[in-house]
Amino acid sequence: MSRKIMCCILKEEADGLDYAPYPGELGQRIYNEVSKEAWSRWLGHQTMLINEYRLTPIEPEARKFLETEMEKYFFGEGASVPKEYVPEGQEE
């Protein structure tokens, strides 16, 4: 049976994550307030950030940047998108 939570992104009750996807207080907050669907959306956004900014997630600076963006995505004003980013299918 799925665990139901009130998702802070979808603004409705949805299936919760099976475990905290990130360590520490932020991970626990995500576990409590972010649905599986919203987490999946974040993973897509995170992949775009890694590719567009050419990040190496093993580097501490890149991890800190991604953590900050994750917090903004879920609990702040929303994560940023690079100015040069053009969504797939919308290229000129």
Protein backbone atom coordinates (compact mmCIF):
# COMPACT_ATOMS: atom_id res chain seq x y z
CA MET A 1 0.00 0.00 0.00
CA SER A 2 1.33 3.41 -0.98
CA ARG A 3 1.95 6.12 1.55
CA LYS A 4 -0.12 9.25 0.78
CA ILE A 5 1.18 12.76 1.39
CA MET A 6 0.05 16.28 0.55
CA CYS A 7 2.54 17.18 -2.19
CA CYS A 8 3.98 20.68 -2.03
CA ILE A 9 4.42 20.73 -5.83
CA LEU A 10 1.20 19.12 -7.06
CA LYS A 11 -0.86 20.78 -4.30
CA GLU A 12 -2.86 17.58 -3.87
CA GLU A 13 -2.68 14.26 -2.11
CA ALA A 14 -0.41 11.85 -3.96
CA ASP A 15 1.80 8.80 -3.48
CA GLY A 16 4.73 9.58 -1.22
CA LEU A 17 8.30 8.42 -1.74
CA ASP A 18 9.33 5.04 -0.34
CA TYR A 19 12.40 6.47 1.42
CA ALA A 20 14.18 9.78 1.94
CA PRO A 21 15.97 10.39 -1.39
CA TYR A 22 18.57 12.74 0.07
CA PRO A 23 20.42 12.77 3.39
CA GLY A 24 19.75 15.03 6.33
CA GLU A 25 16.97 17.46 7.14
CA LEU A 26 16.33 18.35 3.48
CA GLY A 27 15.90 14.68 2.60
CA GLN A 28 13.45 14.17 5.44
CA ARG A 29 11.45 17.21 4.38
CA ILE A 30 11.33 15.91 0.80
CA TYR A 31 10.19 12.50 2.09
CA ASN A 32 7.40 14.16 4.08
CA GLU A 33 6.19 16.70 1.49
CA VAL A 34 7.16 15.59 -2.04
CA SER A 35 5.31 12.99 -4.11
CA LYS A 36 6.85 10.37 -6.37
CA GLU A 37 5.63 12.32 -9.41
CA ALA A 38 7.14 15.60 -8.18
CA TRP A 39 10.44 13.84 -7.40
CA SER A 40 10.48 12.41 -10.91
CA ARG A 41 9.98 15.91 -12.32
CA TRP A 42 12.89 17.16 -10.21
CA LEU A 43 15.15 14.38 -11.54
CA GLY A 44 14.43 15.58 -15.09
CA HIS A 45 15.15 19.18 -14.10
CA GLN A 46 18.32 18.13 -12.30
CA THR A 47 19.51 16.25 -15.41
CA MET A 48 18.94 19.38 -17.49
CA LEU A 49 20.96 21.45 -14.99
CA ILE A 50 23.81 18.93 -15.00
CA ASN A 51 23.91 18.89 -18.80
CA GLU A 52 23.46 22.62 -19.42
CA TYR A 53 25.96 23.72 -16.78
CA ARG A 54 28.27 20.76 -17.52
CA LEU A 55 28.34 19.83 -13.84
CA THR A 56 30.28 16.95 -12.38
CA PRO A 57 28.10 15.79 -9.47
CA ILE A 58 31.08 14.32 -7.63
CA GLU A 59 32.53 17.82 -7.18
CA PRO A 60 31.49 19.51 -3.90
CA GLU A 61 30.62 22.81 -5.63
CA ALA A 62 28.31 21.05 -8.08
CA ARG A 63 26.62 19.09 -5.30
CA LYS A 64 26.08 22.27 -3.30
CA PHE A 65 24.61 24.02 -6.36
CA LEU A 66 22.25 21.10 -7.02
CA GLU A 67 21.20 20.96 -3.37
CA THR A 68 20.41 24.69 -3.41
CA GLU A 69 18.43 24.31 -6.62
CA MET A 70 16.58 21.30 -5.18
CA GLU A 71 15.55 23.30 -2.13
CA LYS A 72 14.39 26.21 -4.32
CA TYR A 73 12.53 23.80 -6.65
CA PHE A 74 10.50 22.22 -3.87
CA PHE A 75 10.27 24.83 -1.14
CA GLY A 76 11.31 28.18 -2.59
CA GLU A 77 10.66 30.32 -5.62
CA GLY A 78 11.41 27.50 -8.06
CA ALA A 79 14.69 26.33 -9.52
CA SER A 80 16.44 28.33 -12.19
CA VAL A 81 16.76 27.49 -15.86
CA PRO A 82 19.87 28.60 -17.78
CA LYS A 83 19.17 31.63 -20.01
CA GLU A 84 20.50 29.74 -23.04
CA TYR A 85 18.36 26.66 -22.42
CA VAL A 86 15.93 25.76 -25.21
CA PRO A 87 13.57 22.86 -24.45
CA GLU A 88 13.84 19.89 -26.78
CA GLY A 89 11.63 20.31 -29.83
CA GLN A 90 11.72 24.11 -29.65
CA GLU A 91 15.07 24.60 -31.36
CA GLU A 92 15.15 27.10 -34.20
